[in-house]
Every structure is written in structure tokens, then in C-alpha cells.
C-alpha atoms as a PDB file:
ATOM      1  CA  UNK A   1     -32.433 -36.254 -14.628  1.00  0.00           C
ATOM      2  CA  UNK A   2     -34.571 -33.410 -13.223  1.00  0.00           C
ATOM      3  CA  UNK A   3     -37.975 -32.847 -14.815  1.00  0.00           C
ATOM      4  CA  UNK A   4     -38.535 -29.700 -16.898  1.00  0.00           C
ATOM      5  CA  UNK A   5     -40.641 -28.269 -14.081  1.00  0.00           C
ATOM      6  CA  UNK A   6     -37.945 -28.908 -11.480  1.00  0.00           C
ATOM      7  CA  UNK A   7     -35.260 -27.394 -13.723  1.00  0.00           C
ATOM      8  CA  UNK A   8     -37.382 -24.285 -14.202  1.00  0.00           C
ATOM      9  CA  UNK A   9     -37.769 -23.988 -10.442  1.00  0.00           C
ATOM     10  CA  UNK A  10     -34.003 -24.300  -9.972  1.00  0.00           C
ATOM     11  CA  UNK A  11     -33.359 -21.653 -12.630  1.00  0.00           C
ATOM     12  CA  UNK A  12     -35.880 -19.339 -11.025  1.00  0.00           C
ATOM     13  CA  UNK A  13     -34.274 -19.817  -7.614  1.00  0.00           C
ATOM     14  CA  UNK A  14     -30.836 -19.077  -9.057  1.00  0.00           C
ATOM     15  CA  UNK A  15     -32.088 -15.983 -10.857  1.00  0.00           C
ATOM     16  CA  UNK A  16     -33.555 -14.662  -7.622  1.00  0.00           C
ATOM     17  CA  UNK A  17     -30.474 -15.348  -5.510  1.00  0.00           C
ATOM     18  CA  UNK A  18     -28.386 -12.406  -6.765  1.00  0.00           C
ATOM     19  CA  UNK A  19     -31.003  -9.706  -6.046  1.00  0.00           C
ATOM     20  CA  UNK A  20     -31.700 -11.289  -2.662  1.00  0.00           C
ATOM     21  CA  UNK A  21     -27.992 -11.195  -1.835  1.00  0.00           C
ATOM     22  CA  UNK A  22     -27.735  -7.590  -2.990  1.00  0.00           C
ATOM     23  CA  UNK A  23     -30.671  -6.499  -0.855  1.00  0.00           C
ATOM     24  CA  UNK A  24     -29.512  -8.330   2.254  1.00  0.00           C
ATOM     25  CA  UNK A  25     -25.762  -7.702   2.144  1.00  0.00           C
ATOM     26  CA  UNK A  26     -24.145  -7.043   4.525  1.00  0.00           C
ATOM     27  CA  UNK A  27     -25.900  -8.745   7.406  1.00  0.00           C
ATOM     28  CA  UNK A  28     -22.912  -9.025   9.769  1.00  0.00           C
ATOM     29  CA  UNK A  29     -19.602  -7.248  10.477  1.00  0.00           C
ATOM     30  CA  UNK A  30     -16.888  -7.161   7.806  1.00  0.00           C
ATOM     31  CA  UNK A  31     -13.218  -7.856   8.573  1.00  0.00           C
ATOM     32  CA  UNK A  32     -10.755  -5.480   6.910  1.00  0.00           C
ATOM     33  CA  UNK A  33      -7.343  -7.145   7.038  1.00  0.00           C
ATOM     34  CA  UNK A  34      -4.416  -4.719   7.176  1.00  0.00           C
ATOM     35  CA  UNK A  35      -1.223  -6.608   6.269  1.00  0.00           C
ATOM     36  CA  UNK A  36       0.971  -4.138   8.167  1.00  0.00           C
ATOM     37  CA  UNK A  37       1.398  -3.054  11.777  1.00  0.00           C
ATOM     38  CA  UNK A  38      -0.742  -0.552  13.712  1.00  0.00           C
ATOM     39  CA  UNK A  39       0.364   3.007  13.008  1.00  0.00           C
ATOM     40  CA  UNK A  40       1.585   2.246   9.478  1.00  0.00           C
ATOM     41  CA  UNK A  41       0.264   4.293   6.553  1.00  0.00           C
ATOM     42  CA  UNK A  42      -1.954   1.379   5.473  1.00  0.00           C
ATOM     43  CA  UNK A  43      -3.344   1.048   8.998  1.00  0.00           C
ATOM     44  CA  UNK A  44      -4.123   4.766   9.285  1.00  0.00           C
ATOM     45  CA  UNK A  45      -5.933   4.784   5.941  1.00  0.00           C
ATOM     46  CA  UNK A  46      -7.822   1.563   6.710  1.00  0.00           C
ATOM     47  CA  UNK A  47      -9.116   2.861  10.037  1.00  0.00           C
ATOM     48  CA  UNK A  48     -10.334   6.119   8.518  1.00  0.00           C
ATOM     49  CA  UNK A  49     -12.112   4.204   5.728  1.00  0.00           C
ATOM     50  CA  UNK A  50     -13.574   1.624   8.114  1.00  0.00           C
ATOM     51  CA  UNK A  51     -15.280   4.323  10.144  1.00  0.00           C
ATOM     52  CA  UNK A  52     -16.964   5.841   7.080  1.00  0.00           C
ATOM     53  CA  UNK A  53     -17.786   2.458   5.527  1.00  0.00           C
ATOM     54  CA  UNK A  54     -19.461   1.350   8.752  1.00  0.00           C
ATOM     55  CA  UNK A  55     -21.809   4.305   8.445  1.00  0.00           C
ATOM     56  CA  UNK A  56     -22.724   3.646   4.812  1.00  0.00           C
ATOM     57  CA  UNK A  57     -22.979  -0.156   5.029  1.00  0.00           C
ATOM     58  CA  UNK A  58     -24.894  -0.296   8.304  1.00  0.00           C
ATOM     59  CA  UNK A  59     -22.532  -2.974   9.630  1.00  0.00           C
ATOM     60  CA  UNK A  60     -19.242  -2.649  11.489  1.00  0.00           C
ATOM     61  CA  UNK A  61     -16.066  -2.779   9.419  1.00  0.00           C
ATOM     62  CA  UNK A  62     -13.484  -4.136  11.852  1.00  0.00           C
ATOM     63  CA  UNK A  63      -9.792  -3.522  11.141  1.00  0.00           C
ATOM     64  CA  UNK A  64      -7.552  -6.493  11.916  1.00  0.00           C
ATOM     65  CA  UNK A  65      -3.758  -6.143  11.672  1.00  0.00           C
ATOM     66  CA  UNK A  66      -1.869  -9.154  10.287  1.00  0.00           C
ATOM     67  CA  UNK A  67       1.680  -7.839   9.753  1.00  0.00           C
ATOM     68  CA  UNK A  68       4.625  -9.839   8.487  1.00  0.00           C
ATOM     69  CA  UNK A  69       6.820 -10.596   5.448  1.00  0.00           C
ATOM     70  CA  UNK A  70       6.136  -7.320   3.617  1.00  0.00           C
ATOM     71  CA  UNK A  71       2.382  -7.882   3.853  1.00  0.00           C
ATOM     72  CA  UNK A  72       2.393 -11.502   2.719  1.00  0.00           C
ATOM     73  CA  UNK A  73       0.866 -12.963   5.899  1.00  0.00           C
ATOM     74  CA  UNK A  74      -2.168 -10.673   5.842  1.00  0.00           C
ATOM     75  CA  UNK A  75      -2.673 -11.090   2.114  1.00  0.00           C
ATOM     76  CA  UNK A  76      -2.516 -14.865   2.486  1.00  0.00           C
ATOM     77  CA  UNK A  77      -5.207 -14.761   5.193  1.00  0.00           C
ATOM     78  CA  UNK A  78      -7.548 -12.932   2.811  1.00  0.00           C
ATOM     79  CA  UNK A  79      -6.678 -15.113  -0.178  1.00  0.00           C
ATOM     80  CA  UNK A  80      -7.771 -18.177   1.834  1.00  0.00           C
ATOM     81  CA  UNK A  81     -10.842 -16.598   3.474  1.00  0.00           C
ATOM     82  CA  UNK A  82     -14.371 -17.573   2.401  1.00  0.00           C
ATOM     83  CA  UNK A  83     -15.351 -15.501  -0.668  1.00  0.00           C
ATOM     84  CA  UNK A  84     -18.562 -14.248   0.916  1.00  0.00           C
ATOM     85  CA  UNK A  85     -17.951 -10.481   1.094  1.00  0.00           C
ATOM     86  CA  UNK A  86     -17.139 -10.462   4.805  1.00  0.00           C
ATOM     87  CA  UNK A  87     -13.338 -10.415   4.544  1.00  0.00           C
ATOM     88  CA  UNK A  88     -11.470  -7.744   2.583  1.00  0.00           C
ATOM     89  CA  UNK A  89      -7.828  -6.780   2.173  1.00  0.00           C
ATOM     90  CA  UNK A  90      -6.587  -3.212   2.413  1.00  0.00           C
ATOM     91  CA  UNK A  91      -3.814  -3.954  -0.033  1.00  0.00           C
ATOM     92  CA  UNK A  92      -0.814  -2.073  -1.358  1.00  0.00           C
ATOM     93  CA  UNK A  93       1.857  -2.314  -4.014  1.00  0.00           C
ATOM     94  CA  UNK A  94       3.544  -4.825  -1.688  1.00  0.00           C
ATOM     95  CA  UNK A  95       0.731  -7.340  -1.511  1.00  0.00           C
ATOM     96  CA  UNK A  96      -0.794  -6.929  -4.953  1.00  0.00           C
ATOM     97  CA  UNK A  97       2.010  -5.925  -7.312  1.00  0.00           C
ATOM     98  CA  UNK A  98       5.530  -6.457  -6.008  1.00  0.00           C
ATOM     99  CA  UNK A  99       5.621  -9.521  -3.759  1.00  0.00           C
ATOM    100  CA  UNK A 100       5.551 -12.065  -6.592  1.00  0.00           C
ATOM    101  CA  UNK A 101       8.803 -10.523  -7.847  1.00  0.00           C
ATOM    102  CA  UNK A 102      10.416 -10.304  -4.399  1.00  0.00           C
ATOM    103  CA  UNK A 103       9.628 -13.809  -3.179  1.00  0.00           C
ATOM    104  CA  UNK A 104      10.675 -17.076  -4.758  1.00  0.00           C
ATOM    105  CA  UNK A 105       7.349 -18.566  -3.755  1.00  0.00           C
ATOM    106  CA  UNK A 106       4.099 -17.155  -2.371  1.00  0.00           C
ATOM    107  CA  UNK A 107       1.482 -19.204  -0.480  1.00  0.00           C
ATOM    108  CA  UNK A 108      -1.139 -17.803  -2.875  1.00  0.00           C
ATOM    109  CA  UNK A 109      -1.280 -16.876  -6.563  1.00  0.00           C
ATOM    110  CA  UNK A 110      -1.045 -13.085  -6.625  1.00  0.00           C
ATOM    111  CA  UNK A 111      -2.577 -12.962 -10.121  1.00  0.00           C
ATOM    112  CA  UNK A 112      -5.719 -14.960  -9.347  1.00  0.00           C
ATOM    113  CA  UNK A 113      -6.268 -14.975  -5.573  1.00  0.00           C
ATOM    114  CA  UNK A 114      -8.003 -11.598  -5.309  1.00  0.00           C
ATOM    115  CA  UNK A 115     -11.013  -9.820  -6.765  1.00  0.00           C
ATOM    116  CA  UNK A 116     -10.435  -6.070  -7.248  1.00  0.00           C
ATOM    117  CA  UNK A 117     -12.893  -3.928  -5.256  1.00  0.00           C
ATOM    118  CA  UNK A 118     -11.795  -0.289  -5.273  1.00  0.00           C
ATOM    119  CA  UNK A 119      -8.703   1.857  -5.682  1.00  0.00           C
ATOM    120  CA  UNK A 120      -8.116   4.194  -2.749  1.00  0.00           C
ATOM    121  CA  UNK A 121      -5.218   6.427  -3.755  1.00  0.00           C
ATOM    122  CA  UNK A 122      -1.480   6.983  -3.731  1.00  0.00           C
ATOM    123  CA  UNK A 123       1.137   8.904  -1.798  1.00  0.00           C
ATOM    124  CA  UNK A 124       4.805   9.745  -2.427  1.00  0.00           C
ATOM    125  CA  UNK A 125       7.603   8.691  -0.113  1.00  0.00           C
ATOM    126  CA  UNK A 126      10.144  10.907   1.614  1.00  0.00           C
ATOM    127  CA  UNK A 127      13.849  10.149   1.805  1.00  0.00           C
ATOM    128  CA  UNK A 128      14.806  11.123   5.364  1.00  0.00           C
ATOM    129  CA  UNK A 129      17.716  11.076   7.791  1.00  0.00           C
ATOM    130  CA  UNK A 130      18.107  11.813  11.483  1.00  0.00           C
ATOM    131  CA  UNK A 131      17.648  15.510  12.287  1.00  0.00           C
ATOM    132  CA  UNK A 132      21.113  15.625  13.862  1.00  0.00           C
ATOM    133  CA  UNK A 133      22.834  13.960  10.907  1.00  0.00           C
ATOM    134  CA  UNK A 134      25.645  15.936   9.242  1.00  0.00           C
ATOM    135  CA  UNK A 135      23.943  15.087   5.933  1.00  0.00           C
ATOM    136  CA  UNK A 136      22.027  18.139   4.696  1.00  0.00           C
ATOM    137  CA  UNK A 137      21.074  17.114   1.154  1.00  0.00           C
ATOM    138  CA  UNK A 138      20.493  13.921  -0.799  1.00  0.00           C
ATOM    139  CA  UNK A 139      23.678  14.630  -2.722  1.00  0.00           C
ATOM    140  CA  UNK A 140      25.552  14.733   0.619  1.00  0.00           C
ATOM    141  CA  UNK A 141      24.051  11.366   1.522  1.00  0.00           C
ATOM    142  CA  UNK A 142      25.101   9.793  -1.770  1.00  0.00           C
ATOM    143  CA  UNK A 143      28.628  11.135  -1.376  1.00  0.00           C
ATOM    144  CA  UNK A 144      28.800   9.691   2.157  1.00  0.00           C
ATOM    145  CA  UNK A 145      27.576   6.288   0.945  1.00  0.00           C
ATOM    146  CA  UNK A 146      30.064   6.378  -1.912  1.00  0.00           C
ATOM    147  CA  UNK A 147      32.897   7.057   0.509  1.00  0.00           C
ATOM    148  CA  UNK A 148      31.762   4.243   2.832  1.00  0.00           C
ATOM    149  CA  UNK A 149      30.398   1.470   0.588  1.00  0.00           C
ATOM    150  CA  UNK A 150      28.139  -0.932   2.472  1.00  0.00           C
ATOM    151  CA  UNK A 151      28.465   0.975   5.745  1.00  0.00           C
ATOM    152  CA  UNK A 152      25.554   3.376   5.331  1.00  0.00           C
ATOM    153  CA  UNK A 153      22.356   1.737   6.598  1.00  0.00           C
ATOM    154  CA  UNK A 154      18.759   2.191   5.508  1.00  0.00           C
ATOM    155  CA  UNK A 155      15.584   0.919   7.172  1.00  0.00           C
ATOM    156  CA  UNK A 156      12.600  -0.679   5.496  1.00  0.00           C
ATOM    157  CA  UNK A 157       9.395  -2.350   6.639  1.00  0.00           C
ATOM    158  CA  UNK A 158       7.516  -2.663   3.342  1.00  0.00           C
ATOM    159  CA  UNK A 159       8.144  -3.305  -0.323  1.00  0.00           C
ATOM    160  CA  UNK A 160       7.849   0.352  -1.313  1.00  0.00           C
ATOM    161  CA  UNK A 161      10.356   1.330   1.369  1.00  0.00           C
ATOM    162  CA  UNK A 162      12.802  -1.388   0.322  1.00  0.00           C
ATOM    163  CA  UNK A 163      12.506  -0.959  -3.440  1.00  0.00           C
ATOM    164  CA  UNK A 164      12.643   2.850  -3.313  1.00  0.00           C
ATOM    165  CA  UNK A 165      15.920   2.696  -1.375  1.00  0.00           C
ATOM    166  CA  UNK A 166      17.462  -0.077  -3.474  1.00  0.00           C
ATOM    167  CA  UNK A 167      16.424   1.726  -6.644  1.00  0.00           C
ATOM    168  CA  UNK A 168      18.036   4.930  -5.371  1.00  0.00           C
ATOM    169  CA  UNK A 169      21.242   3.041  -4.585  1.00  0.00           C
ATOM    170  CA  UNK A 170      21.286   1.424  -8.030  1.00  0.00           C
ATOM    171  CA  UNK A 171      20.682   4.655  -9.930  1.00  0.00           C
ATOM    172  CA  UNK A 172      23.145   6.646  -7.796  1.00  0.00           C
ATOM    173  CA  UNK A 173      25.816   3.961  -8.016  1.00  0.00           C
ATOM    174  CA  UNK A 174      26.174   3.331  -4.272  1.00  0.00           C
ATOM    175  CA  UNK A 175      25.976   0.342  -1.915  1.00  0.00           C
ATOM    176  CA  UNK A 176      23.962   0.498   1.301  1.00  0.00           C
ATOM    177  CA  UNK A 177      23.271  -1.888   4.150  1.00  0.00           C
ATOM    178  CA  UNK A 178      19.535  -2.775   4.364  1.00  0.00           C
ATOM    179  CA  UNK A 179      18.011  -3.196   7.834  1.00  0.00           C
ATOM    180  CA  UNK A 180      14.541  -4.849   7.849  1.00  0.00           C
ATOM    181  CA  UNK A 181      11.866  -3.903  10.402  1.00  0.00           C
ATOM    182  CA  UNK A 182       8.494  -5.375  11.264  1.00  0.00           C
ATOM    183  CA  UNK A 183       6.755  -1.997  11.040  1.00  0.00           C
ATOM    184  CA  UNK A 184       7.241   1.499   9.684  1.00  0.00           C
ATOM    185  CA  UNK A 185       6.745   3.147  13.098  1.00  0.00           C
ATOM    186  CA  UNK A 186       9.492   0.925  14.563  1.00  0.00           C
ATOM    187  CA  UNK A 187      11.845   1.910  11.748  1.00  0.00           C
ATOM    188  CA  UNK A 188      10.982   5.570  12.288  1.00  0.00           C
ATOM    189  CA  UNK A 189      11.766   5.251  16.001  1.00  0.00           C
ATOM    190  CA  UNK A 190      15.225   3.930  15.169  1.00  0.00           C
ATOM    191  CA  UNK A 191      15.821   6.647  12.573  1.00  0.00           C
ATOM    192  CA  UNK A 192      14.997   9.307  15.152  1.00  0.00           C
ATOM    193  CA  UNK A 193      17.195   7.521  17.682  1.00  0.00           C
ATOM    194  CA  UNK A 194      20.105   7.277  15.257  1.00  0.00           C
ATOM    195  CA  UNK A 195      20.199   3.460  15.001  1.00  0.00           C
ATOM    196  CA  UNK A 196      19.813   3.648  11.188  1.00  0.00           C
ATOM    197  CA  UNK A 197      21.028   6.383   8.866  1.00  0.00           C
ATOM    198  CA  UNK A 198      18.252   6.649   6.272  1.00  0.00           C
ATOM    199  CA  UNK A 199      14.586   5.735   5.902  1.00  0.00           C
ATOM    200  CA  UNK A 200      12.414   6.222   2.832  1.00  0.00           C
ATOM    201  CA  UNK A 201       8.756   5.933   3.815  1.00  0.00           C
ATOM    202  CA  UNK A 202       5.203   6.995   3.053  1.00  0.00           C
ATOM    203  CA  UNK A 203       4.192  10.556   3.855  1.00  0.00           C
ATOM    204  CA  UNK A 204       1.744   9.327   6.505  1.00  0.00           C
ATOM    205  CA  UNK A 205       4.738   8.089   8.500  1.00  0.00           C
ATOM    206  CA  UNK A 206       7.303  10.760   7.611  1.00  0.00           C
ATOM    207  CA  UNK A 207       5.530  14.113   7.233  1.00  0.00           C
ATOM    208  CA  UNK A 208       4.360  14.472  10.859  1.00  0.00           C
ATOM    209  CA  UNK A 209       7.879  13.694  12.135  1.00  0.00           C
ATOM    210  CA  UNK A 210       9.446  15.989   9.543  1.00  0.00           C
ATOM    211  CA  UNK A 211       7.182  18.895  10.452  1.00  0.00           C
ATOM    212  CA  UNK A 212       7.913  18.288  14.135  1.00  0.00           C
ATOM    213  CA  UNK A 213      11.641  18.586  13.411  1.00  0.00           C
ATOM    214  CA  UNK A 214      12.470  15.027  14.469  1.00  0.00           C
ATOM    215  CA  UNK A 215      13.835  14.010  11.050  1.00  0.00           C
ATOM    216  CA  UNK A 216      15.400  15.829   8.093  1.00  0.00           C
ATOM    217  CA  UNK A 217      13.732  15.366   4.732  1.00  0.00           C
ATOM    218  CA  UNK A 218      16.106  15.132   1.769  1.00  0.00           C
ATOM    219  CA  UNK A 219      13.800  14.491  -1.187  1.00  0.00           C
ATOM    220  CA  UNK A 220      10.473  13.054  -2.345  1.00  0.00           C
ATOM    221  CA  UNK A 221      10.117  10.043  -4.629  1.00  0.00           C
ATOM    222  CA  UNK A 222       7.466  11.428  -6.999  1.00  0.00           C
ATOM    223  CA  UNK A 223       8.129  13.005 -10.399  1.00  0.00           C
ATOM    224  CA  UNK A 224       6.886  16.376  -9.173  1.00  0.00           C
ATOM    225  CA  UNK A 225       7.322  18.153  -5.855  1.00  0.00           C
ATOM    226  CA  UNK A 226       4.539  17.537  -3.371  1.00  0.00           C
ATOM    227  CA  UNK A 227       2.236  20.311  -2.183  1.00  0.00           C
ATOM    228  CA  UNK A 228       2.503  18.749   1.281  1.00  0.00           C
ATOM    229  CA  UNK A 229       6.244  19.569   1.472  1.00  0.00           C
ATOM    230  CA  UNK A 230       6.944  21.848  -1.515  1.00  0.00           C
ATOM    231  CA  UNK A 231      10.346  22.849  -0.155  1.00  0.00           C
ATOM    232  CA  UNK A 232      11.724  19.328  -0.687  1.00  0.00           C
ATOM    233  CA  UNK A 233      13.144  18.525  -4.141  1.00  0.00           C
ATOM    234  CA  UNK A 234      12.373  15.349  -6.036  1.00  0.00           C
ATOM    235  CA  UNK A 235      15.069  12.668  -6.138  1.00  0.00           C
ATOM    236  CA  UNK A 236      15.534  13.521  -9.815  1.00  0.00           C
ATOM    237  CA  UNK A 237      16.100  17.196  -9.001  1.00  0.00           C
ATOM    238  CA  UNK A 238      18.430  16.459  -6.102  1.00  0.00           C
ATOM    239  CA  UNK A 239      20.678  14.068  -8.024  1.00  0.00           C
ATOM    240  CA  UNK A 240      20.274  15.200 -11.614  1.00  0.00           C
ATOM    241  CA  UNK A 241      18.415  12.021 -12.621  1.00  0.00           C
ATOM    242  CA  UNK A 242      15.510  11.672 -15.060  1.00  0.00           C
ATOM    243  CA  UNK A 243      13.672   8.426 -14.422  1.00  0.00           C
ATOM    244  CA  UNK A 244      13.487   7.950 -10.658  1.00  0.00           C
ATOM    245  CA  UNK A 245       9.881   7.685  -9.511  1.00  0.00           C
ATOM    246  CA  UNK A 246       8.165   5.444  -6.982  1.00  0.00           C
ATOM    247  CA  UNK A 247       4.959   6.001  -5.036  1.00  0.00           C
ATOM    248  CA  UNK A 248       2.962   3.832  -2.650  1.00  0.00           C
ATOM    249  CA  UNK A 249      -0.623   2.992  -3.526  1.00  0.00           C
ATOM    250  CA  UNK A 250      -3.529   1.522  -1.591  1.00  0.00           C
ATOM    251  CA  UNK A 251      -6.564  -0.441  -2.748  1.00  0.00           C
ATOM    252  CA  UNK A 252      -9.236  -2.807  -1.470  1.00  0.00           C
ATOM    253  CA  UNK A 253      -9.418  -6.421  -2.627  1.00  0.00           C
ATOM    254  CA  UNK A 254     -11.635  -9.396  -1.744  1.00  0.00           C
ATOM    255  CA  UNK A 255     -11.009 -13.129  -2.098  1.00  0.00           C
ATOM    256  CA  UNK A 256     -11.480 -14.364  -5.654  1.00  0.00           C
ATOM    257  CA  UNK A 257     -15.016 -15.632  -6.186  1.00  0.00           C
ATOM    258  CA  UNK A 258     -16.679 -13.019  -3.971  1.00  0.00           C
ATOM    259  CA  UNK A 259     -20.186 -12.331  -5.345  1.00  0.00           C
ATOM    260  CA  UNK A 260     -20.376  -9.368  -7.693  1.00  0.00           C
ATOM    261  CA  UNK A 261     -23.163  -7.828  -5.652  1.00  0.00           C
ATOM    262  CA  UNK A 262     -20.922  -7.682  -2.588  1.00  0.00           C
ATOM    263  CA  UNK A 263     -18.051  -6.211  -4.606  1.00  0.00           C
ATOM    264  CA  UNK A 264     -20.313  -3.510  -6.043  1.00  0.00           C
ATOM    265  CA  UNK A 265     -21.650  -2.607  -2.593  1.00  0.00           C
ATOM    266  CA  UNK A 266     -18.134  -2.475  -1.140  1.00  0.00           C
ATOM    267  CA  UNK A 267     -16.934  -0.418  -4.097  1.00  0.00           C
ATOM    268  CA  UNK A 268     -19.646   2.171  -3.469  1.00  0.00           C
ATOM    269  CA  UNK A 269     -18.775   2.292   0.234  1.00  0.00           C
ATOM    270  CA  UNK A 270     -15.033   2.727  -0.396  1.00  0.00           C
ATOM    271  CA  UNK A 271     -15.581   5.425  -3.031  1.00  0.00           C
ATOM    272  CA  UNK A 272     -17.917   7.321  -0.701  1.00  0.00           C
ATOM    273  CA  UNK A 273     -15.396   7.036   2.143  1.00  0.00           C
ATOM    274  CA  UNK A 274     -12.340   8.260   0.217  1.00  0.00           C
ATOM    275  CA  UNK A 275     -14.215  11.306  -1.094  1.00  0.00           C
ATOM    276  CA  UNK A 276     -15.735  12.227   2.268  1.00  0.00           C
ATOM    277  CA  UNK A 277     -14.732  15.536   3.823  1.00  0.00           C
ATOM    278  CA  UNK A 278     -13.361  13.851   6.951  1.00  0.00           C
ATOM    279  CA  UNK A 279     -11.004  11.526   5.044  1.00  0.00           C
ATOM    280  CA  UNK A 280      -9.837  14.236   2.635  1.00  0.00           C
ATOM    281  CA  UNK A 281      -9.115  16.648   5.480  1.00  0.00           C
ATOM    282  CA  UNK A 282      -7.156  13.958   7.308  1.00  0.00           C
ATOM    283  CA  UNK A 283      -4.924  12.743   4.471  1.00  0.00           C
ATOM    284  CA  UNK A 284      -4.640  15.440   1.791  1.00  0.00           C
ATOM    285  CA  UNK A 285      -2.247  17.547   3.950  1.00  0.00           C
ATOM    286  CA  UNK A 286       0.109  14.548   3.868  1.00  0.00           C
ATOM    287  CA  UNK A 287       0.152  14.423   0.082  1.00  0.00           C
ATOM    288  CA  UNK A 288      -2.409  11.634  -0.299  1.00  0.00           C
ATOM    289  CA  UNK A 289      -4.166  11.684  -3.683  1.00  0.00           C
ATOM    290  CA  UNK A 290      -7.501   9.834  -3.810  1.00  0.00           C
ATOM    291  CA  UNK A 291      -8.827   8.352  -7.041  1.00  0.00           C
ATOM    292  CA  UNK A 292     -12.195   6.585  -6.704  1.00  0.00           C
ATOM    293  CA  UNK A 293     -13.174   4.242  -9.515  1.00  0.00           C
ATOM    294  CA  UNK A 294     -14.719   0.949 -10.553  1.00  0.00           C
ATOM    295  CA  UNK A 295     -13.444  -2.570  -9.819  1.00  0.00           C
ATOM    296  CA  UNK A 296     -12.540  -2.841 -13.516  1.00  0.00           C
ATOM    297  CA  UNK A 297     -10.445   0.327 -13.317  1.00  0.00           C
ATOM    298  CA  UNK A 298      -8.553  -1.129 -10.352  1.00  0.00           C
ATOM    299  CA  UNK A 299      -7.930  -4.376 -12.264  1.00  0.00           C
ATOM    300  CA  UNK A 300      -6.413  -2.418 -15.164  1.00  0.00           C
ATOM    301  CA  UNK A 301      -4.335  -0.236 -12.865  1.00  0.00           C
ATOM    302  CA  UNK A 302      -3.046  -3.222 -10.916  1.00  0.00           C
ATOM    303  CA  UNK A 303      -1.836  -4.964 -14.078  1.00  0.00           C
ATOM    304  CA  UNK A 304       0.096  -1.809 -14.950  1.00  0.00           C
ATOM    305  CA  UNK A 305       1.511  -1.605 -11.429  1.00  0.00           C
ATOM    306  CA  UNK A 306       2.690  -5.216 -11.521  1.00  0.00           C
ATOM    307  CA  UNK A 307       4.668  -4.498 -14.698  1.00  0.00           C
ATOM    308  CA  UNK A 308       6.070  -1.291 -13.203  1.00  0.00           C
ATOM    309  CA  UNK A 309       7.186  -2.949  -9.965  1.00  0.00           C
ATOM    310  CA  UNK A 310       8.671  -5.931 -11.775  1.00  0.00           C
ATOM    311  CA  UNK A 311      10.887  -3.522 -13.743  1.00  0.00           C
ATOM    312  CA  UNK A 312      11.795  -1.490 -10.635  1.00  0.00           C
ATOM    313  CA  UNK A 313      12.816  -4.628  -8.726  1.00  0.00           C
ATOM    314  CA  UNK A 314      14.783  -5.993 -11.684  1.00  0.00           C
ATOM    315  CA  UNK A 315      16.568  -2.670 -12.300  1.00  0.00           C
ATOM    316  CA  UNK A 316      17.428  -2.407  -8.583  1.00  0.00           C
ATOM    317  CA  UNK A 317      18.931  -5.917  -8.792  1.00  0.00           C
ATOM    318  CA  UNK A 318      16.949  -7.191  -5.811  1.00  0.00           C
ATOM    319  CA  UNK A 319      17.210 -10.968  -5.559  1.00  0.00           C
ATOM    320  CA  UNK A 320      14.009 -12.876  -4.668  1.00  0.00           C
ATOM    321  CA  UNK A 321      14.060 -14.291  -1.141  1.00  0.00           C
END
């Protein structure tokens, strides 16, 4: 058994370790895992944040894309990474709220695998069709799908894209044919090319193409019209519904067990990045709403989001894979 003197030395060393970590962190580059493909909304946001975080942290924040299975592969890589503050996840509703309800089994425990770091913000989705489609309104699209049950296709490359479309089908009383893609940009390419009939995706992916005239926007998935595209009605307005609402959100997580000092430092860096003039000017025109806050606020929000997405998936009658 250690002597009293030795135990006091051990306690003193432990007490000093946290401040020492706080003062020295970070001492090497940080990996920011994006669980979706390059060019996706998550990727665009992550790269803008990484640039600003690099400046404030004094170490490079390197974005690494790990796409696959609606974000599961990238999230799993972070869940199993050393909890030392040098690997973070730029997560979404897919990885941190919905996947446990979409998959029969995950390679990690979504409830306990991650430590909340900072909420980034949210963005509505746009329901869109090919610009040359005879469909002019969302009501037209629903009538077409009703006349051809199971023959109208929709693309998806993420949970929000899948659930928003399945939820629309359920509430409108139609059947559609889902077509999965590995990335949002790939799905957008096929929408523009006419290989799929409808795509509901984040504003970061849809708004530039909509404003360029390459796609036709039918509605937005938020409860209120977006200032980014105020001419587009909400799904509720377009179809006479009351309770349709689904937005994509983004947040930063670390592996569970990451030292609090690292989480606090990362939280400060993320909050500073999302409120910087450069990031706001880049994403606000596309309807992105930033909401900086504490790790505790993100934990509370994420619990609420998990309940919300569980209900949305259940109501849309999506069977776990």
C-alpha cells in the first residue's frame, strides 16, 4: 500500500495534469471526420469550420471524408478513436440521432459512444425535381405519384434525405420508389440528368442548382418559408398539411472519454468559427442558421432530436435495415 507521502504526491500529480493538458492542448493536428462524401453539405460546413478552427487553435484541423451507410462508417471510426482530443466527428441527425432507429444494429452505441462538443446549426431541405419535368408544384408531384404508385422515384444519400421523402409519402398517401446514392452530389447529378424524378436535400446542395435553373424547387421542409428562397412554399402550405417539418442539423462530437479540457477548447473554437464573418457570409444565403452553445446544450438538444427522429421514422413506416 502506498505511503501517505507517496499518495499525496500522486494526488498532486493528478491535480496538476488537467491544467497542464489545458495549457498544452492541442500540440498536433486534429482530424475532423466527415461521414459523408466531398461536396456534401456536411463536407462544405466542415471545411469552412476547419479553416477558422486552425487559426484559433494554432494547429491544423484536417478534414477526412469517410462516407458510407448514411454516415455510419465515419461515425464508427470516431467512436473507436483514442479519446485524446485529436479526432472529432462533424456529425448530423444521421449519425447522432436517427441511425439507431434506421439500423437493426450499429457497430457502436449511439447513446454512449460520443461526447458532445458544440452545436453548429441547422438548415431546411428543398423538395426538387428536374427543371424540364412537367411537374410544376408539389401538388402536381403528389398527383403524379398517386396515379403511378411505386413508379415515381426519389433519390437519397443521407438519413434526412430519406426520412424527409418517406415522411412526405406517408403524409400525402403515396408510394414512391427509393433510390439510394453514396453522396448528395451524385444524387443531384442524376436529378439534373433525369435519372431520378425527385430529390429532397439540404440547401447547401440544392440552392445553388436551383438558382442556376438546373432544378425546379417545389417546397421547403421547414415550418416557415426560408429567407434564402422565399418564393418557395413550405410542404405544409403546398399540400394543406399541418405537421410536416424536417430540417438537417450539424454538430461536433468527440469520442466518449475525451478530456473535458479538450472539449472546452474545441467548443470555443467551433463557436468562434460559426459566428465568424467569413462562415456567416458563406452559409447564411443558403438558409443556414447557426446556434453556438455549450457542450451541455448540445447534449440536451441531441436527446430531443433522437426522440423527434424516432417518431419521424416510425410515422414514415421505415423498416430498420
